[in-house]
Every structure is written in C-alpha cells, then in structure tokens.
PDB file of N, CA and C in Angstrom:
ATOM      1  N   UNK A   1      -1.449  35.969  61.404  1.00  0.00           N
ATOM      2  CA  UNK A   1      -0.859  34.759  61.892  1.00  0.00           C
ATOM      3  C   UNK A   1      -0.104  35.109  63.178  1.00  0.00           C
ATOM      4  N   UNK A   2      -0.436  34.387  64.193  1.00  0.00           N
ATOM      5  CA  UNK A   2       0.172  34.672  65.494  1.00  0.00           C
ATOM      6  C   UNK A   2       1.383  33.770  65.704  1.00  0.00           C
ATOM      7  N   UNK A   3       2.066  34.017  66.773  1.00  0.00           N
ATOM      8  CA  UNK A   3       3.256  33.238  67.099  1.00  0.00           C
ATOM      9  C   UNK A   3       2.856  31.779  67.353  1.00  0.00           C
ATOM     10  N   UNK A   4       1.725  31.554  67.945  1.00  0.00           N
ATOM     11  CA  UNK A   4       1.243  30.192  68.210  1.00  0.00           C
ATOM     12  C   UNK A   4       0.963  29.454  66.910  1.00  0.00           C
ATOM     13  N   UNK A   5       0.401  30.182  65.925  1.00  0.00           N
ATOM     14  CA  UNK A   5       0.137  29.544  64.637  1.00  0.00           C
ATOM     15  C   UNK A   5       1.434  29.181  63.921  1.00  0.00           C
ATOM     16  N   UNK A   6       2.420  30.072  63.981  1.00  0.00           N
ATOM     17  CA  UNK A   6       3.707  29.798  63.349  1.00  0.00           C
ATOM     18  C   UNK A   6       4.375  28.615  64.037  1.00  0.00           C
ATOM     19  N   UNK A   7       4.308  28.574  65.350  1.00  0.00           N
ATOM     20  CA  UNK A   7       4.901  27.458  66.094  1.00  0.00           C
ATOM     21  C   UNK A   7       4.195  26.162  65.732  1.00  0.00           C
ATOM     22  N   UNK A   8       2.897  26.188  65.587  1.00  0.00           N
ATOM     23  CA  UNK A   8       2.130  24.999  65.186  1.00  0.00           C
ATOM     24  C   UNK A   8       2.498  24.551  63.785  1.00  0.00           C
ATOM     25  N   UNK A   9       2.661  25.559  62.885  1.00  0.00           N
ATOM     26  CA  UNK A   9       3.044  25.229  61.511  1.00  0.00           C
ATOM     27  C   UNK A   9       4.438  24.615  61.468  1.00  0.00           C
ATOM     28  N   UNK A  10       5.369  25.150  62.240  1.00  0.00           N
ATOM     29  CA  UNK A  10       6.731  24.592  62.288  1.00  0.00           C
ATOM     30  C   UNK A  10       6.697  23.179  62.869  1.00  0.00           C
ATOM     31  N   UNK A  11       5.887  22.990  63.891  1.00  0.00           N
ATOM     32  CA  UNK A  11       5.775  21.655  64.505  1.00  0.00           C
ATOM     33  C   UNK A  11       5.176  20.668  63.506  1.00  0.00           C
ATOM     34  N   UNK A  12       4.195  21.099  62.738  1.00  0.00           N
ATOM     35  CA  UNK A  12       3.582  20.209  61.744  1.00  0.00           C
ATOM     36  C   UNK A  12       4.581  19.861  60.650  1.00  0.00           C
ATOM     37  N   UNK A  13       5.353  20.850  60.184  1.00  0.00           N
ATOM     38  CA  UNK A  13       6.360  20.593  59.152  1.00  0.00           C
ATOM     39  C   UNK A  13       7.437  19.658  59.696  1.00  0.00           C
ATOM     40  N   UNK A  14       7.841  19.874  60.956  1.00  0.00           N
ATOM     41  CA  UNK A  14       8.850  19.005  61.580  1.00  0.00           C
ATOM     42  C   UNK A  14       8.308  17.572  61.700  1.00  0.00           C
ATOM     43  N   UNK A  15       7.037  17.454  62.049  1.00  0.00           N
ATOM     44  CA  UNK A  15       6.425  16.128  62.170  1.00  0.00           C
ATOM     45  C   UNK A  15       6.369  15.431  60.811  1.00  0.00           C
ATOM     46  N   UNK A  16       6.016  16.145  59.758  1.00  0.00           N
ATOM     47  CA  UNK A  16       5.983  15.581  58.402  1.00  0.00           C
ATOM     48  C   UNK A  16       7.384  15.170  57.978  1.00  0.00           C
ATOM     49  N   UNK A  17       8.385  16.006  58.288  1.00  0.00           N
ATOM     50  CA  UNK A  17       9.764  15.666  57.951  1.00  0.00           C
ATOM     51  C   UNK A  17      10.207  14.417  58.712  1.00  0.00           C
ATOM     52  N   UNK A  18       9.813  14.329  59.990  1.00  0.00           N
ATOM     53  CA  UNK A  18      10.156  13.145  60.793  1.00  0.00           C
ATOM     54  C   UNK A  18       9.506  11.894  60.226  1.00  0.00           C
ATOM     55  N   UNK A  19       8.251  11.996  59.847  1.00  0.00           N
ATOM     56  CA  UNK A  19       7.559  10.839  59.256  1.00  0.00           C
ATOM     57  C   UNK A  19       8.220  10.445  57.945  1.00  0.00           C
ATOM     58  N   UNK A  20       8.558  11.444  57.124  1.00  0.00           N
ATOM     59  CA  UNK A  20       9.241  11.159  55.857  1.00  0.00           C
ATOM     60  C   UNK A  20      10.609  10.537  56.096  1.00  0.00           C
ATOM     61  N   UNK A  21      11.324  11.035  57.113  1.00  0.00           N
ATOM     62  CA  UNK A  21      12.646  10.513  57.432  1.00  0.00           C
ATOM     63  C   UNK A  21      12.557   9.062  57.931  1.00  0.00           C
ATOM     64  N   UNK A  22      11.541   8.738  58.701  1.00  0.00           N
ATOM     65  CA  UNK A  22      11.360   7.380  59.220  1.00  0.00           C
ATOM     66  C   UNK A  22      10.730   6.437  58.195  1.00  0.00           C
ATOM     67  N   UNK A  23      10.088   6.982  57.197  1.00  0.00           N
ATOM     68  CA  UNK A  23       9.433   6.141  56.191  1.00  0.00           C
ATOM     69  C   UNK A  23      10.459   5.403  55.335  1.00  0.00           C
ATOM     70  N   UNK A  24      11.603   6.045  55.067  1.00  0.00           N
ATOM     71  CA  UNK A  24      12.631   5.418  54.228  1.00  0.00           C
ATOM     72  C   UNK A  24      13.151   4.117  54.875  1.00  0.00           C
ATOM     73  N   UNK A  25      13.581   4.109  56.153  1.00  0.00           N
ATOM     74  CA  UNK A  25      14.035   2.842  56.749  1.00  0.00           C
ATOM     75  C   UNK A  25      12.929   1.784  56.834  1.00  0.00           C
ATOM     76  N   UNK A  26      11.695   2.224  57.071  1.00  0.00           N
ATOM     77  CA  UNK A  26      10.583   1.266  57.141  1.00  0.00           C
ATOM     78  C   UNK A  26      10.372   0.619  55.774  1.00  0.00           C
ATOM     79  N   UNK A  27      10.478   1.403  54.709  1.00  0.00           N
ATOM     80  CA  UNK A  27      10.316   0.832  53.368  1.00  0.00           C
ATOM     81  C   UNK A  27      11.473  -0.115  53.054  1.00  0.00           C
ATOM     82  N   UNK A  28      12.685   0.253  53.457  1.00  0.00           N
ATOM     83  CA  UNK A  28      13.825  -0.645  53.251  1.00  0.00           C
ATOM     84  C   UNK A  28      13.651  -1.928  54.060  1.00  0.00           C
ATOM     85  N   UNK A  29      13.133  -1.799  55.271  1.00  0.00           N
ATOM     86  CA  UNK A  29      12.868  -2.973  56.095  1.00  0.00           C
ATOM     87  C   UNK A  29      11.826  -3.875  55.430  1.00  0.00           C
ATOM     88  N   UNK A  30      10.847  -3.258  54.762  1.00  0.00           N
ATOM     89  CA  UNK A  30       9.874  -4.041  53.995  1.00  0.00           C
ATOM     90  C   UNK A  30      10.551  -4.820  52.879  1.00  0.00           C
ATOM     91  N   UNK A  31      11.512  -4.198  52.197  1.00  0.00           N
ATOM     92  CA  UNK A  31      12.272  -4.888  51.153  1.00  0.00           C
ATOM     93  C   UNK A  31      13.081  -6.046  51.722  1.00  0.00           C
ATOM     94  N   UNK A  32      13.659  -5.832  52.914  1.00  0.00           N
ATOM     95  CA  UNK A  32      14.419  -6.905  53.565  1.00  0.00           C
ATOM     96  C   UNK A  32      13.494  -8.073  53.892  1.00  0.00           C
ATOM     97  N   UNK A  33      12.311  -7.773  54.407  1.00  0.00           N
ATOM     98  CA  UNK A  33      11.353  -8.845  54.715  1.00  0.00           C
ATOM     99  C   UNK A  33      10.922  -9.581  53.450  1.00  0.00           C
ATOM    100  N   UNK A  34      10.750  -8.854  52.359  1.00  0.00           N
ATOM    101  CA  UNK A  34      10.373  -9.472  51.089  1.00  0.00           C
ATOM    102  C   UNK A  34      11.477 -10.425  50.626  1.00  0.00           C
ATOM    103  N   UNK A  35      12.747  -9.997  50.717  1.00  0.00           N
ATOM    104  CA  UNK A  35      13.876 -10.852  50.332  1.00  0.00           C
ATOM    105  C   UNK A  35      13.979 -12.066  51.260  1.00  0.00           C
ATOM    106  N   UNK A  36      13.748 -11.838  52.564  1.00  0.00           N
ATOM    107  CA  UNK A  36      13.793 -12.951  53.519  1.00  0.00           C
ATOM    108  C   UNK A  36      12.710 -13.974  53.199  1.00  0.00           C
ATOM    109  N   UNK A  37      11.527 -13.501  52.844  1.00  0.00           N
ATOM    110  CA  UNK A  37      10.436 -14.410  52.472  1.00  0.00           C
ATOM    111  C   UNK A  37      10.797 -15.203  51.229  1.00  0.00           C
ATOM    112  N   UNK A  38      11.383 -14.523  50.247  1.00  0.00           N
ATOM    113  CA  UNK A  38      11.788 -15.198  49.015  1.00  0.00           C
ATOM    114  C   UNK A  38      12.870 -16.242  49.303  1.00  0.00           C
ATOM    115  N   UNK A  39      13.833 -15.895  50.147  1.00  0.00           N
ATOM    116  CA  UNK A  39      14.915 -16.833  50.487  1.00  0.00           C
ATOM    117  C   UNK A  39      14.375 -18.052  51.222  1.00  0.00           C
ATOM    118  N   UNK A  40      13.458 -17.837  52.142  1.00  0.00           N
ATOM    119  CA  UNK A  40      12.862 -18.963  52.880  1.00  0.00           C
ATOM    120  C   UNK A  40      12.078 -19.861  51.929  1.00  0.00           C
ATOM    121  N   UNK A  41      11.361 -19.255  50.969  1.00  0.00           N
ATOM    122  CA  UNK A  41      10.604 -20.040  50.000  1.00  0.00           C
ATOM    123  C   UNK A  41      11.546 -20.896  49.158  1.00  0.00           C
ATOM    124  N   UNK A  42      12.650 -20.295  48.663  1.00  0.00           N
ATOM    125  CA  UNK A  42      13.621 -21.047  47.864  1.00  0.00           C
ATOM    126  C   UNK A  42      14.271 -22.151  48.690  1.00  0.00           C
ATOM    127  N   UNK A  43      14.602 -21.835  49.924  1.00  0.00           N
ATOM    128  CA  UNK A  43      15.209 -22.833  50.814  1.00  0.00           C
ATOM    129  C   UNK A  43      14.248 -23.993  51.045  1.00  0.00           C
ATOM    130  N   UNK A  44      12.985 -23.685  51.225  1.00  0.00           N
ATOM    131  CA  UNK A  44      11.978 -24.730  51.418  1.00  0.00           C
ATOM    132  C   UNK A  44      11.851 -25.589  50.172  1.00  0.00           C
ATOM    133  N   UNK A  45      11.863 -24.956  49.003  1.00  0.00           N
ATOM    134  CA  UNK A  45      11.750 -25.715  47.757  1.00  0.00           C
ATOM    135  C   UNK A  45      12.926 -26.663  47.565  1.00  0.00           C
ATOM    136  N   UNK A  46      14.108 -26.268  48.038  1.00  0.00           N
ATOM    137  CA  UNK A  46      15.289 -27.125  47.884  1.00  0.00           C
ATOM    138  C   UNK A  46      15.389 -28.156  49.010  1.00  0.00           C
ATOM    139  N   UNK A  47      14.858 -27.833  50.165  1.00  0.00           N
ATOM    140  CA  UNK A  47      14.999 -28.705  51.326  1.00  0.00           C
ATOM    141  C   UNK A  47      14.012 -29.861  51.302  1.00  0.00           C
ATOM    142  N   UNK A  48      12.808 -29.630  50.847  1.00  0.00           N
ATOM    143  CA  UNK A  48      11.780 -30.673  50.862  1.00  0.00           C
ATOM    144  C   UNK A  48      12.204 -31.908  50.054  1.00  0.00           C
ATOM    145  N   UNK A  49      12.736 -31.775  48.843  1.00  0.00           N
ATOM    146  CA  UNK A  49      13.186 -32.982  48.143  1.00  0.00           C
ATOM    147  C   UNK A  49      14.323 -33.706  48.867  1.00  0.00           C
ATOM    148  N   UNK A  50      15.208 -32.933  49.483  1.00  0.00           N
ATOM    149  CA  UNK A  50      16.305 -33.561  50.229  1.00  0.00           C
ATOM    150  C   UNK A  50      15.759 -34.346  51.409  1.00  0.00           C
ATOM    151  N   UNK A  51      14.792 -33.785  52.104  1.00  0.00           N
ATOM    152  CA  UNK A  51      14.187 -34.499  53.233  1.00  0.00           C
ATOM    153  C   UNK A  51      13.449 -35.748  52.765  1.00  0.00           C
ATOM    154  N   UNK A  52      12.757 -35.651  51.625  1.00  0.00           N
ATOM    155  CA  UNK A  52      12.085 -36.827  51.085  1.00  0.00           C
ATOM    156  C   UNK A  52      13.089 -37.913  50.731  1.00  0.00           C
ATOM    157  N   UNK A  53      14.201 -37.524  50.126  1.00  0.00           N
ATOM    158  CA  UNK A  53      15.241 -38.488  49.767  1.00  0.00           C
ATOM    159  C   UNK A  53      15.864 -39.107  51.021  1.00  0.00           C
ATOM    160  N   UNK A  54      16.064 -38.279  52.042  1.00  0.00           N
ATOM    161  CA  UNK A  54      16.621 -38.795  53.301  1.00  0.00           C
ATOM    162  C   UNK A  54      15.658 -39.796  53.936  1.00  0.00           C
ATOM    163  N   UNK A  55      14.370 -39.514  53.888  1.00  0.00           N
ATOM    164  CA  UNK A  55      13.383 -40.437  54.446  1.00  0.00           C
ATOM    165  C   UNK A  55      13.396 -41.755  53.685  1.00  0.00           C
ATOM    166  N   UNK A  56      13.506 -41.679  52.362  1.00  0.00           N
ATOM    167  CA  UNK A  56      13.578 -42.892  51.542  1.00  0.00           C
ATOM    168  C   UNK A  56      14.831 -43.692  51.884  1.00  0.00           C
ATOM    169  N   UNK A  57      15.946 -42.995  52.068  1.00  0.00           N
ATOM    170  CA  UNK A  57      17.203 -43.667  52.420  1.00  0.00           C
ATOM    171  C   UNK A  57      17.093 -44.345  53.777  1.00  0.00           C
ATOM    172  N   UNK A  58      16.471 -43.679  54.732  1.00  0.00           N
ATOM    173  CA  UNK A  58      16.301 -44.262  56.067  1.00  0.00           C
ATOM    174  C   UNK A  58      15.415 -45.497  55.991  1.00  0.00           C
ATOM    175  N   UNK A  59      14.360 -45.450  55.197  1.00  0.00           N
ATOM    176  CA  UNK A  59      13.494 -46.623  55.041  1.00  0.00           C
ATOM    177  C   UNK A  59      14.259 -47.787  54.429  1.00  0.00           C
ATOM    178  N   UNK A  60      15.065 -47.513  53.404  1.00  0.00           N
ATOM    179  CA  UNK A  60      15.856 -48.573  52.770  1.00  0.00           C
ATOM    180  C   UNK A  60      16.881 -49.140  53.752  1.00  0.00           C
ATOM    181  N   UNK A  61      17.477 -48.267  54.530  1.00  0.00           N
ATOM    182  CA  UNK A  61      18.450 -48.721  55.529  1.00  0.00           C
ATOM    183  C   UNK A  61      17.780 -49.588  56.578  1.00  0.00           C
ATOM    184  N   UNK A  62      16.609 -49.200  57.030  1.00  0.00           N
ATOM    185  CA  UNK A  62      15.882 -50.017  58.006  1.00  0.00           C
ATOM    186  C   UNK A  62      15.541 -51.383  57.422  1.00  0.00           C
ATOM    187  N   UNK A  63      15.167 -51.413  56.161  1.00  0.00           N
ATOM    188  CA  UNK A  63      14.871 -52.691  55.504  1.00  0.00           C
ATOM    189  C   UNK A  63      16.103 -53.580  55.480  1.00  0.00           C
ATOM    190  N   UNK A  64      17.249 -52.992  55.121  1.00  0.00           N
ATOM    191  CA  UNK A  64      18.499 -53.769  55.092  1.00  0.00           C
ATOM    192  C   UNK A  64      18.889 -54.233  56.489  1.00  0.00           C
ATOM    193  N   UNK A  65      18.678 -53.389  57.487  1.00  0.00           N
ATOM    194  CA  UNK A  65      19.002 -53.778  58.861  1.00  0.00           C
ATOM    195  C   UNK A  65      18.116 -54.924  59.340  1.00  0.00           C
ATOM    196  N   UNK A  66      16.873 -54.942  58.908  1.00  0.00           N
ATOM    197  CA  UNK A  66      15.998 -56.067  59.252  1.00  0.00           C
ATOM    198  C   UNK A  66      16.540 -57.353  58.642  1.00  0.00           C
ATOM    199  N   UNK A  67      17.026 -57.271  57.405  1.00  0.00           N
ATOM    200  CA  UNK A  67      17.608 -58.451  56.763  1.00  0.00           C
ATOM    201  C   UNK A  67      18.862 -58.900  57.507  1.00  0.00           C
ATOM    202  N   UNK A  68      19.695 -57.939  57.904  1.00  0.00           N
ATOM    203  CA  UNK A  68      20.911 -58.271  58.648  1.00  0.00           C
ATOM    204  C   UNK A  68      20.542 -58.908  59.987  1.00  0.00           C
ATOM    205  N   UNK A  69      19.490 -58.399  60.624  1.00  0.00           N
ATOM    206  CA  UNK A  69      19.047 -58.971  61.894  1.00  0.00           C
ATOM    207  C   UNK A  69      18.604 -60.421  61.701  1.00  0.00           C
ATOM    208  N   UNK A  70      17.900 -60.689  60.604  1.00  0.00           N
ATOM    209  CA  UNK A  70      17.476 -62.060  60.307  1.00  0.00           C
ATOM    210  C   UNK A  70      18.687 -62.957  60.088  1.00  0.00           C
ATOM    211  N   UNK A  71      19.667 -62.461  59.345  1.00  0.00           N
ATOM    212  CA  UNK A  71      20.881 -63.237  59.079  1.00  0.00           C
ATOM    213  C   UNK A  71      21.635 -63.495  60.380  1.00  0.00           C
ATOM    214  N   UNK A  72      21.727 -62.480  61.223  1.00  0.00           N
ATOM    215  CA  UNK A  72      22.430 -62.625  62.497  1.00  0.00           C
ATOM    216  C   UNK A  72      21.743 -63.655  63.384  1.00  0.00           C
ATOM    217  N   UNK A  73      20.424 -63.620  63.423  1.00  0.00           N
ATOM    218  CA  UNK A  73      19.675 -64.588  64.215  1.00  0.00           C
ATOM    219  C   UNK A  73      19.906 -66.003  63.692  1.00  0.00           C
ATOM    220  N   UNK A  74      19.858 -66.161  62.384  1.00  0.00           N
ATOM    221  CA  UNK A  74      20.081 -67.479  61.787  1.00  0.00           C
ATOM    222  C   UNK A  74      21.504 -67.962  62.068  1.00  0.00           C
ATOM    223  N   UNK A  75      22.468 -67.063  61.988  1.00  0.00           N
ATOM    224  CA  UNK A  75      23.856 -67.432  62.262  1.00  0.00           C
ATOM    225  C   UNK A  75      24.021 -67.861  63.718  1.00  0.00           C
ATOM    226  N   UNK A  76      23.373 -67.173  64.626  1.00  0.00           N
ATOM    227  CA  UNK A  76      23.442 -67.558  66.041  1.00  0.00           C
ATOM    228  C   UNK A  76      22.846 -68.948  66.250  1.00  0.00           C
ATOM    229  N   UNK A  77      21.736 -69.235  65.582  1.00  0.00           N
ATOM    230  CA  UNK A  77      21.116 -70.561  65.705  1.00  0.00           C
ATOM    231  C   UNK A  77      22.028 -71.643  65.137  1.00  0.00           C
ATOM    232  N   UNK A  78      22.643 -71.368  63.979  1.00  0.00           N
ATOM    233  CA  UNK A  78      23.552 -72.345  63.370  1.00  0.00           C
ATOM    234  C   UNK A  78      24.746 -72.580  64.292  1.00  0.00           C
ATOM    235  N   UNK A  79      25.262 -71.528  64.882  1.00  0.00           N
ATOM    236  CA  UNK A  79      26.396 -71.664  65.795  1.00  0.00           C
ATOM    237  C   UNK A  79      26.027 -72.527  66.991  1.00  0.00           C
ATOM    238  N   UNK A  80      24.841 -72.311  67.540  1.00  0.00           N
ATOM    239  CA  UNK A  80      24.394 -73.138  68.666  1.00  0.00           C
ATOM    240  C   UNK A  80      24.237 -74.595  68.237  1.00  0.00           C
ATOM    241  N   UNK A  81      23.686 -74.814  67.058  1.00  0.00           N
ATOM    242  CA  UNK A  81      23.503 -76.189  66.574  1.00  0.00           C
ATOM    243  C   UNK A  81      24.848 -76.873  66.355  1.00  0.00           C
ATOM    244  N   UNK A  82      25.804 -76.161  65.775  1.00  0.00           N
ATOM    245  CA  UNK A  82      27.129 -76.742  65.535  1.00  0.00           C
ATOM    246  C   UNK A  82      27.807 -77.041  66.868  1.00  0.00           C
ATOM    247  N   UNK A  83      27.667 -76.149  67.825  1.00  0.00           N
ATOM    248  CA  UNK A  83      28.264 -76.373  69.142  1.00  0.00           C
ATOM    249  C   UNK A  83      27.654 -77.611  69.801  1.00  0.00           C
ATOM    250  N   UNK A  84      26.349 -77.736  69.728  1.00  0.00           N
ATOM    251  CA  UNK A  84      25.697 -78.909  70.306  1.00  0.00           C
ATOM    252  C   UNK A  84      26.118 -80.180  69.573  1.00  0.00           C
ATOM    253  N   UNK A  85      26.246 -80.100  68.259  1.00  0.00           N
ATOM    254  CA  UNK A  85      26.661 -81.253  67.463  1.00  0.00           C
ATOM    255  C   UNK A  85      28.085 -81.670  67.813  1.00  0.00           C
ATOM    256  N   UNK A  86      28.964 -80.701  67.982  1.00  0.00           N
ATOM    257  CA  UNK A  86      30.351 -81.015  68.350  1.00  0.00           C
ATOM    258  C   UNK A  86      30.420 -81.639  69.730  1.00  0.00           C
ATOM    259  N   UNK A  87      29.615 -81.140  70.661  1.00  0.00           N
ATOM    260  CA  UNK A  87      29.584 -81.725  72.001  1.00  0.00           C
ATOM    261  C   UNK A  87      29.098 -83.174  71.928  1.00  0.00           C
ATOM    262  N   UNK A  88      28.059 -83.404  71.133  1.00  0.00           N
ATOM    263  CA  UNK A  88      27.532 -84.765  70.971  1.00  0.00           C
ATOM    264  C   UNK A  88      28.556 -85.655  70.293  1.00  0.00           C
ATOM    265  N   UNK A  89      29.203 -85.174  69.249  1.00  0.00           N
ATOM    266  CA  UNK A  89      30.222 -85.952  68.544  1.00  0.00           C
ATOM    267  C   UNK A  89      31.385 -86.280  69.478  1.00  0.00           C
ATOM    268  N   UNK A  90      31.803 -85.274  70.255  1.00  0.00           N
ATOM    269  CA  UNK A  90      32.909 -85.483  71.187  1.00  0.00           C
ATOM    270  C   UNK A  90      32.541 -86.511  72.236  1.00  0.00           C
ATOM    271  N   UNK A  91      31.319 -86.449  72.742  1.00  0.00           N
ATOM    272  CA  UNK A  91      30.893 -87.408  73.764  1.00  0.00           C
ATOM    273  C   UNK A  91      30.711 -88.797  73.161  1.00  0.00           C
ATOM    274  N   UNK A  92      30.220 -88.871  71.942  1.00  0.00           N
ATOM    275  CA  UNK A  92      29.938 -90.169  71.322  1.00  0.00           C
ATOM    276  C   UNK A  92      31.207 -90.828  70.813  1.00  0.00           C
ATOM    277  N   UNK A  93      32.036 -90.081  70.104  1.00  0.00           N
ATOM    278  CA  UNK A  93      33.202 -90.671  69.462  1.00  0.00           C
ATOM    279  C   UNK A  93      34.454 -90.484  70.303  1.00  0.00           C
ATOM    280  N   UNK A  94      34.490 -89.436  71.108  1.00  0.00           N
ATOM    281  CA  UNK A  94      35.701 -89.122  71.857  1.00  0.00           C
ATOM    282  C   UNK A  94      36.126 -90.213  72.816  1.00  0.00           C
ATOM    283  N   UNK A  95      35.194 -90.732  73.608  1.00  0.00           N
ATOM    284  CA  UNK A  95      35.524 -91.781  74.583  1.00  0.00           C
ATOM    285  C   UNK A  95      36.077 -93.028  73.907  1.00  0.00           C
ATOM    286  N   UNK A  96      35.357 -93.608  72.950  1.00  0.00           N
ATOM    287  CA  UNK A  96      35.886 -94.799  72.288  1.00  0.00           C
ATOM    288  C   UNK A  96      37.179 -94.523  71.532  1.00  0.00           C
ATOM    289  N   UNK A  97      37.340 -93.342  70.977  1.00  0.00           N
ATOM    290  CA  UNK A  97      38.573 -93.006  70.254  1.00  0.00           C
ATOM    291  C   UNK A  97      39.754 -92.969  71.212  1.00  0.00           C
ATOM    292  N   UNK A  98      39.550 -92.442  72.402  1.00  0.00           N
ATOM    293  CA  UNK A  98      40.619 -92.415  73.398  1.00  0.00           C
ATOM    294  C   UNK A  98      40.966 -93.843  73.813  1.00  0.00           C
ATOM    295  N   UNK A  99      39.951 -94.675  73.988  1.00  0.00           N
ATOM    296  CA  UNK A  99      40.209 -96.080  74.345  1.00  0.00           C
ATOM    297  C   UNK A  99      40.966 -96.800  73.233  1.00  0.00           C
ATOM    298  N   UNK A 100      40.583 -96.543  71.973  1.00  0.00           N
ATOM    299  CA  UNK A 100      41.271 -97.161  70.841  1.00  0.00           C
ATOM    300  C   UNK A 100      42.728 -96.704  70.791  1.00  0.00           C
ATOM    301  N   UNK A 101      42.977 -95.427  71.035  1.00  0.00           N
ATOM    302  CA  UNK A 101      44.349 -94.918  71.046  1.00  0.00           C
ATOM    303  C   UNK A 101      45.151 -95.563  72.161  1.00  0.00           C
ATOM    304  N   UNK A 102      44.527 -95.707  73.311  1.00  0.00           N
ATOM    305  CA  UNK A 102      45.224 -96.358  74.432  1.00  0.00           C
ATOM    306  C   UNK A 102      45.515 -97.812  74.095  1.00  0.00           C
ATOM    307  N   UNK A 103      44.554 -98.497  73.475  1.00  0.00           N
ATOM    308  CA  UNK A 103      44.757 -99.902  73.115  1.00  0.00           C
ATOM    309  C   UNK A 103      45.883-100.051  72.097  1.00  0.00           C
ATOM    310  N   UNK A 104      45.898 -99.200  71.054  1.00  0.00           N
ATOM    311  CA  UNK A 104      46.963 -99.303  70.047  1.00  0.00           C
ATOM    312  C   UNK A 104      48.314 -98.965  70.650  1.00  0.00           C
ATOM    313  N   UNK A 105      48.352 -98.056  71.593  1.00  0.00           N
ATOM    314  CA  UNK A 105      49.614 -97.741  72.262  1.00  0.00           C
ATOM    315  C   UNK A 105      50.102 -98.944  73.063  1.00  0.00           C
ATOM    316  N   UNK A 106      49.161 -99.588  73.741  1.00  0.00           N
ATOM    317  CA  UNK A 106      49.538-100.764  74.530  1.00  0.00           C
ATOM    318  C   UNK A 106      50.035-101.879  73.623  1.00  0.00           C
ATOM    319  N   UNK A 107      49.343-102.106  72.492  1.00  0.00           N
ATOM    320  CA  UNK A 107      49.765-103.161  71.565  1.00  0.00           C
ATOM    321  C   UNK A 107      51.149-102.816  71.016  1.00  0.00           C
ATOM    322  N   UNK A 108      51.364-101.578  70.602  1.00  0.00           N
ATOM    323  CA  UNK A 108      52.643-101.169  70.046  1.00  0.00           C
ATOM    324  C   UNK A 108      53.751-101.319  71.085  1.00  0.00           C
ATOM    325  N   UNK A 109      53.452-100.903  72.308  1.00  0.00           N
ATOM    326  CA  UNK A 109      54.456-101.040  73.368  1.00  0.00           C
ATOM    327  C   UNK A 109      54.805-102.497  73.606  1.00  0.00           C
ATOM    328  N   UNK A 110      53.786-103.346  73.569  1.00  0.00           N
ATOM    329  CA  UNK A 110      54.023-104.766  73.788  1.00  0.00           C
ATOM    330  C   UNK A 110      54.895-105.335  72.683  1.00  0.00           C
ATOM    331  N   UNK A 111      54.574-105.028  71.432  1.00  0.00           N
ATOM    332  CA  UNK A 111      55.384-105.553  70.327  1.00  0.00           C
ATOM    333  C   UNK A 111      56.800-104.988  70.365  1.00  0.00           C
ATOM    334  N   UNK A 112      56.944-103.755  70.755  1.00  0.00           N
ATOM    335  CA  UNK A 112      58.283-103.146  70.836  1.00  0.00           C
ATOM    336  C   UNK A 112      59.090-103.842  71.922  1.00  0.00           C
ATOM    337  N   UNK A 113      58.521-104.139  73.061  1.00  0.00           N
ATOM    338  CA  UNK A 113      59.212-104.799  74.154  1.00  0.00           C
ATOM    339  C   UNK A 113      59.585-106.237  73.743  1.00  0.00           C
ATOM    340  N   UNK A 114      58.693-106.947  73.056  1.00  0.00           N
ATOM    341  CA  UNK A 114      58.985-108.312  72.626  1.00  0.00           C
ATOM    342  C   UNK A 114      60.094-108.328  71.589  1.00  0.00           C
ATOM    343  N   UNK A 115      60.049-107.312  70.708  1.00  0.00           N
ATOM    344  CA  UNK A 115      61.082-107.234  69.669  1.00  0.00           C
ATOM    345  C   UNK A 115      62.449-107.009  70.298  1.00  0.00           C
ATOM    346  N   UNK A 116      62.543-106.280  71.346  1.00  0.00           N
ATOM    347  CA  UNK A 116      63.815-106.016  71.994  1.00  0.00           C
ATOM    348  C   UNK A 116      64.280-107.261  72.786  1.00  0.00           C
ATOM    349  N   UNK A 117      63.327-108.022  73.353  1.00  0.00           N
ATOM    350  CA  UNK A 117      63.688-109.227  74.078  1.00  0.00           C
ATOM    351  C   UNK A 117      64.208-110.296  73.124  1.00  0.00           C
ATOM    352  N   UNK A 118      63.632-110.439  71.978  1.00  0.00           N
ATOM    353  CA  UNK A 118      64.017-111.443  71.003  1.00  0.00           C
ATOM    354  C   UNK A 118      65.377-111.127  70.395  1.00  0.00           C
ATOM    355  N   UNK A 119      65.784-109.904  70.366  1.00  0.00           N
ATOM    356  CA  UNK A 119      67.042-109.565  69.719  1.00  0.00           C
ATOM    357  C   UNK A 119      68.199-109.863  70.561  1.00  0.00           C
TER     358      UNK A 119
END
C-alpha cells in the first residue's frame, strides 16, 4: 500500500463520514416536511367547512339585503306619493281654508266692534 493509496482511503473514509454527518439533518428535514404536510392537511380539513359556512352566510346576507333594498324602494315610493298627496291637499284645501279663516275673522271683528258700539 503506497502513500497515495492511504491518502485515497482516508479521503474515502472522510467522504463517507461527511455523507453520514449530512444525512442526519436531511432526514430530520424530511421529518419536518412530513409534519408540515400533516399540519397543512389538518388545516385544510378545518378550513374548508368554515369557508363553506362563510359562503352560506354571505348568500343569506345578500338575500336579506335584496329584501331590504325592496323595502327601501317601496318606502321611497310611498314617501313620494305622500308628499305629492300633501301638496295636492294643501293646494286644494289650503286656499279655501285660508279664505274661510279670513272670513270668520272679519265676521268676529265686526260683531266685536258692534258689541262695543252698542254698550
């Protein structure tokens, strides 16, 4: 066995030791990846029902909002109708009512003045 053979043998043993030394962290890293995969799977199993429930809640909320929109539209129409009705009532009854009030005031004033003259 020559010096070159011994050096080659030492280099081969060192290389095997290096591979063995690096194999331990790689195997541990494999375990970490296995745990990460398991955690992601569990998270997915728990998240999917929550997302389905959230989607159902959003659909129900949209349905209720459509109903509220219908109610709001109807309320706006009723408000416009009442406003128009009040304007019509005011124009129809307001003028004659003011004239009637003026007439009764004039009659009352006249009777009050006559009552004071007679006394």
